[in-house]
Protein backbone atom coordinates (compact mmCIF):
# COMPACT_ATOMS: atom_id res chain seq x y z
CA MET A 1 -18.79 50.48 52.52
CA THR A 2 -20.93 47.47 53.46
CA ASP A 3 -22.57 45.09 51.01
CA GLN A 4 -26.02 45.56 52.59
CA PRO A 5 -27.70 48.66 53.98
CA LEU A 6 -28.07 48.87 57.74
CA CYS A 7 -31.81 49.54 57.44
CA ARG A 8 -34.56 48.83 54.94
CA ARG A 9 -36.04 52.17 53.93
CA LEU A 10 -38.29 51.09 51.06
CA PRO A 11 -40.35 48.08 52.21
CA GLY A 12 -43.29 47.45 49.93
CA ARG A 13 -42.56 50.34 47.59
CA THR A 14 -42.30 49.88 43.85
CA ALA A 15 -39.22 51.14 42.02
CA VAL A 16 -38.90 51.24 38.24
CA VAL A 17 -35.30 51.28 37.00
CA THR A 18 -34.46 51.84 33.33
CA GLY A 19 -31.13 50.57 32.08
CA ALA A 20 -31.28 48.00 34.88
CA GLY A 21 -29.23 45.37 33.06
CA SER A 22 -25.79 46.84 33.72
CA GLY A 23 -23.73 49.59 35.28
CA ILE A 24 -25.43 52.12 37.51
CA GLY A 25 -28.87 50.70 36.74
CA LEU A 26 -27.96 47.20 37.87
CA ALA A 27 -26.24 48.46 41.02
CA ALA A 28 -29.29 50.60 41.79
CA ALA A 29 -31.71 47.71 41.22
CA ARG A 30 -29.70 45.59 43.65
CA ARG A 31 -29.56 48.34 46.27
CA LEU A 32 -33.25 49.25 46.01
CA ALA A 33 -34.22 45.58 46.34
CA SER A 34 -31.99 45.23 49.40
CA GLU A 35 -33.84 48.23 50.88
CA GLY A 36 -37.11 46.30 50.53
CA ALA A 37 -38.44 47.70 47.24
CA ASN A 38 -40.23 45.72 44.55
CA VAL A 39 -38.05 46.41 41.53
CA VAL A 40 -39.17 46.54 37.91
CA CYS A 41 -36.03 46.03 35.85
CA ALA A 42 -36.41 47.70 32.46
CA ASP A 43 -33.86 47.24 29.71
CA ILE A 44 -33.67 46.87 25.95
CA ASP A 45 -31.29 43.92 26.46
CA GLU A 46 -33.56 41.01 27.34
CA ARG A 47 -30.83 38.71 28.65
CA ALA A 48 -29.30 41.32 30.96
CA GLY A 49 -32.67 42.63 32.10
CA LYS A 50 -34.02 39.19 32.95
CA ALA A 51 -30.84 38.39 34.88
CA ALA A 52 -31.23 41.60 36.90
CA ALA A 53 -34.87 40.82 37.66
CA ALA A 54 -34.03 37.27 38.73
CA GLU A 55 -31.26 38.48 41.02
CA THR A 56 -33.37 41.18 42.67
CA GLY A 57 -36.58 39.17 42.92
CA GLY A 58 -38.35 41.69 40.68
CA VAL A 59 -39.92 41.61 37.25
CA PHE A 60 -38.38 42.32 33.86
CA ALA A 61 -39.86 44.66 31.28
CA ALA A 62 -38.38 44.82 27.79
CA VAL A 63 -38.41 48.50 26.87
CA ASP A 64 -37.05 50.75 24.18
CA VAL A 65 -37.11 53.95 26.22
CA THR A 66 -37.46 56.08 23.09
CA ASP A 67 -40.80 54.43 22.24
CA GLU A 68 -43.71 56.21 23.91
CA ARG A 69 -46.08 53.26 23.90
CA GLN A 70 -43.45 50.96 25.42
CA VAL A 71 -42.68 53.47 28.17
CA GLU A 72 -46.38 53.87 28.94
CA ALA A 73 -46.69 50.07 29.15
CA LEU A 74 -43.66 49.90 31.47
CA PHE A 75 -45.28 51.99 34.19
CA ARG A 76 -48.63 50.31 33.68
CA THR A 77 -46.88 46.96 34.24
CA ALA A 78 -45.31 48.26 37.44
CA TYR A 79 -48.66 49.44 38.75
CA ASP A 80 -50.59 46.34 37.66
CA THR A 81 -47.98 44.05 39.22
CA TYR A 82 -47.37 45.79 42.54
CA GLY A 83 -50.18 48.31 42.95
CA SER A 84 -48.09 51.48 43.04
CA VAL A 85 -45.31 53.46 41.36
CA ASP A 86 -43.26 54.97 44.17
CA VAL A 87 -39.82 55.44 42.63
CA ALA A 88 -38.81 56.08 39.03
CA PHE A 89 -35.08 55.91 38.43
CA ASN A 90 -34.86 57.12 34.84
CA ASN A 91 -31.34 56.06 34.12
CA ALA A 92 -31.03 54.60 30.61
CA GLY A 93 -28.51 56.39 28.44
CA ILE A 94 -25.84 56.04 25.78
CA SER A 95 -22.50 57.64 24.97
CA PRO A 96 -21.45 56.41 21.51
CA PRO A 97 -18.01 57.16 20.04
CA GLU A 98 -19.64 59.04 17.14
CA ASP A 99 -20.67 61.70 19.65
CA ASP A 100 -17.54 63.83 19.84
CA SER A 101 -16.63 67.41 19.05
CA ILE A 102 -19.34 69.59 17.54
CA LEU A 103 -17.01 69.87 14.53
CA THR A 104 -17.21 66.14 13.78
CA THR A 105 -20.48 64.87 15.29
CA GLY A 106 -23.09 64.20 12.65
CA LEU A 107 -26.76 65.04 12.95
CA ASP A 108 -27.81 61.39 13.14
CA ALA A 109 -25.51 60.80 16.13
CA TRP A 110 -26.74 64.01 17.77
CA ARG A 111 -30.39 63.00 17.39
CA ARG A 112 -29.85 59.43 18.60
CA VAL A 113 -28.19 60.56 21.82
CA GLN A 114 -30.89 63.17 22.45
CA GLU A 115 -33.61 60.56 21.96
CA VAL A 116 -32.09 58.02 24.35
CA ASN A 117 -30.72 60.39 26.99
CA LEU A 118 -33.26 63.21 27.08
CA THR A 119 -36.49 62.25 25.31
CA SER A 120 -36.60 58.96 27.22
CA VAL A 121 -36.45 60.83 30.53
CA TYR A 122 -39.28 63.08 29.35
CA LEU A 123 -41.34 60.00 28.49
CA CYS A 124 -40.61 58.22 31.75
CA CYS A 125 -41.57 61.29 33.77
CA LYS A 126 -44.70 61.78 31.66
CA TYR A 127 -45.96 58.29 32.45
CA ALA A 128 -44.64 57.82 36.01
CA ILE A 129 -45.92 61.08 37.51
CA PRO A 130 -49.66 60.45 36.98
CA TYR A 131 -49.45 57.34 39.19
CA MET A 132 -47.59 59.33 41.82
CA ARG A 133 -50.18 62.12 41.70
CA ARG A 134 -52.92 59.64 42.58
CA GLN A 135 -50.88 58.41 45.53
CA ARG A 136 -49.83 61.94 46.58
CA ARG A 137 -46.33 60.53 46.91
CA GLY A 138 -43.37 59.64 44.75
CA SER A 139 -39.68 60.13 44.04
CA VAL A 140 -38.39 60.62 40.51
CA ILE A 141 -34.63 60.37 40.05
CA ASN A 142 -33.29 61.34 36.64
CA THR A 143 -29.72 60.54 35.69
CA ALA A 144 -28.01 63.71 34.50
CA SER A 145 -24.25 64.17 34.90
CA PHE A 146 -21.65 66.48 36.33
CA VAL A 147 -21.05 67.58 32.71
CA ALA A 148 -24.47 69.25 32.87
CA ARG A 149 -22.76 72.01 34.83
CA MET A 150 -19.12 71.83 33.67
CA GLY A 151 -17.41 72.11 30.30
CA ALA A 152 -14.87 69.66 28.90
CA ALA A 153 -12.33 70.00 26.12
CA THR A 154 -12.76 66.24 25.52
CA SER A 155 -16.27 66.90 24.31
CA GLN A 156 -19.22 64.58 23.76
CA ILE A 157 -21.41 67.39 22.54
CA SER A 158 -24.79 65.68 22.33
CA TYR A 159 -24.28 63.77 25.59
CA THR A 160 -23.39 66.99 27.41
CA ALA A 161 -26.36 68.86 25.94
CA SER A 162 -28.75 65.99 26.74
CA LYS A 163 -27.66 65.89 30.37
CA GLY A 164 -28.11 69.65 30.65
CA GLY A 165 -31.65 69.14 29.43
CA VAL A 166 -32.26 66.41 32.02
CA LEU A 167 -31.03 68.73 34.75
CA ALA A 168 -33.27 71.63 33.69
CA MET A 169 -36.32 69.40 33.19
CA SER A 170 -35.87 67.75 36.59
CA ARG A 171 -35.70 71.11 38.30
CA GLU A 172 -38.89 72.28 36.63
CA LEU A 173 -40.84 69.11 37.39
CA GLY A 174 -39.68 69.15 40.99
CA VAL A 175 -41.11 72.64 41.40
CA GLN A 176 -44.31 71.91 39.49
CA PHE A 177 -45.35 68.84 41.48
CA ALA A 178 -43.82 69.59 44.89
CA ARG A 179 -47.14 70.31 46.62
CA GLU A 180 -48.55 67.00 45.43
CA GLY A 181 -45.99 65.03 47.42
CA ILE A 182 -43.77 64.30 44.43
CA ARG A 183 -40.05 65.00 44.44
CA VAL A 184 -37.98 65.15 41.24
CA ASN A 185 -34.20 65.30 41.46
CA ALA A 186 -31.34 65.08 38.99
CA LEU A 187 -28.58 62.70 39.99
CA CYS A 188 -25.28 64.04 38.65
CA PRO A 189 -22.56 61.39 38.81
CA GLY A 190 -18.94 61.97 37.96
CA PRO A 191 -17.19 59.37 35.79
CA VAL A 192 -18.26 55.90 36.92
CA ASN A 193 -16.43 52.61 36.47
CA THR A 194 -19.09 51.02 34.25
CA PRO A 195 -18.90 48.92 31.05
CA LEU A 196 -19.93 52.02 29.08
CA LEU A 197 -17.03 54.06 30.44
CA LYS A 198 -14.55 51.19 30.11
CA GLU A 199 -15.49 50.72 26.47
CA LEU A 200 -15.16 54.42 25.72
CA PHE A 201 -11.80 54.79 27.46
CA ALA A 202 -10.36 51.53 26.11
CA LYS A 203 -10.61 53.10 22.67
CA ASP A 204 -8.97 56.31 23.86
CA PRO A 205 -6.68 55.87 26.91
CA GLU A 206 -5.45 59.45 26.59
CA ARG A 207 -9.01 60.71 27.09
CA ALA A 208 -9.28 58.58 30.24
CA GLU A 209 -6.06 60.00 31.67
CA ARG A 210 -7.06 63.56 30.84
CA ARG A 211 -10.26 63.07 32.83
CA LEU A 212 -8.86 61.13 35.77
CA VAL A 213 -6.40 63.89 36.67
CA HIS A 214 -9.32 66.20 37.46
CA VAL A 215 -10.90 63.90 40.08
CA PRO A 216 -9.74 65.05 43.53
CA VAL A 217 -10.19 61.60 45.10
CA GLY A 218 -7.96 60.14 42.36
CA ARG A 219 -10.30 57.50 40.95
CA PHE A 220 -13.60 57.03 39.18
CA ALA A 221 -16.73 56.13 41.15
CA GLU A 222 -17.96 52.59 41.57
CA PRO A 223 -21.57 51.89 40.51
CA GLU A 224 -22.46 50.92 44.08
CA GLU A 225 -21.52 54.40 45.29
CA ILE A 226 -23.97 55.97 42.86
CA ALA A 227 -26.59 53.38 43.82
CA ALA A 228 -26.29 54.48 47.45
CA ALA A 229 -27.21 58.01 46.38
CA VAL A 230 -30.18 56.63 44.42
CA ALA A 231 -31.41 54.79 47.51
CA PHE A 232 -31.14 57.98 49.56
CA LEU A 233 -33.09 60.02 47.00
CA ALA A 234 -35.70 57.27 46.73
CA SER A 235 -36.27 57.12 50.48
CA ASP A 236 -37.96 59.38 53.00
CA ASP A 237 -34.50 60.28 54.33
CA SER A 238 -34.41 62.80 51.45
CA SER A 239 -37.92 64.12 52.08
CA PHE A 240 -36.82 67.78 51.81
CA VAL A 241 -34.51 67.24 48.81
CA ASN A 242 -36.34 68.38 45.69
CA ALA A 243 -35.58 70.02 42.33
CA ALA A 244 -31.91 69.51 43.19
CA GLU A 245 -28.79 68.72 41.21
CA PHE A 246 -27.42 65.95 43.41
CA LEU A 247 -23.70 65.77 42.68
CA VAL A 248 -21.85 62.52 43.36
CA ASP A 249 -18.60 63.37 41.60
CA GLY A 250 -15.70 62.89 43.99
CA GLY A 251 -15.23 66.64 44.23
CA ILE A 252 -14.74 67.41 40.52
CA ALA A 253 -17.20 70.29 40.40
CA GLY A 254 -15.60 71.92 43.43
CA ALA A 255 -11.99 71.62 42.28
CA TYR A 256 -9.62 74.14 40.74
CA VAL A 257 -6.27 72.37 41.25
CA THR A 258 -6.34 68.72 42.32
CA PRO A 259 -3.85 67.05 44.71
CA LEU A 260 -0.63 65.63 43.36
């Protein structure tokens, strides 16, 4: 895997990335910028978001993705700054330790995860798509998860339910706006070696081991591997990929018994 793409597939296009300050979002911002895109780095963490924008030559937007007015302003900023909204990578999400089994997860934790992981994607789609309709072109990439289509005994009940919602919503939007030149796909990563995952598994090494054994390739993904999929879905190389669940999971969803 090379550090830079062999071709620049997004010159002059504008990509909005939520959760751009770390993990998959940061890797995606870097990759999209290297492909020639103007990147709007959105994050609730001002320090991390500004650092991402400085590194990618883009602009930073401080956004609480659960706040409708802030999300509306995010896409208006992208359009006012660069003159288009071509790619929306709606990636921000959380997975707090309070989100566990349905038997122990409280309603407050349930609602918080739904707001950040699902309602935020609804809001980002709601305010990105009108710009794309005017252009008759656009790619929306919503971060779901492989858990949207698989069950786990090590449950994070609200996270799993929220990602299932993202998957279903992406499919519907992809169908609804297909003839207007807009594609909407759900990116479904397997476990990714991000700060969020490291923090979760550091508190529960047994949970990490129980999950790792089910990955056929024998490791978790690196953020750059997910970012490569984002760049593909953002570009015209994926022009006939729409309303899809785009699995990047190392073979988890296709496995019954993994190699020793």
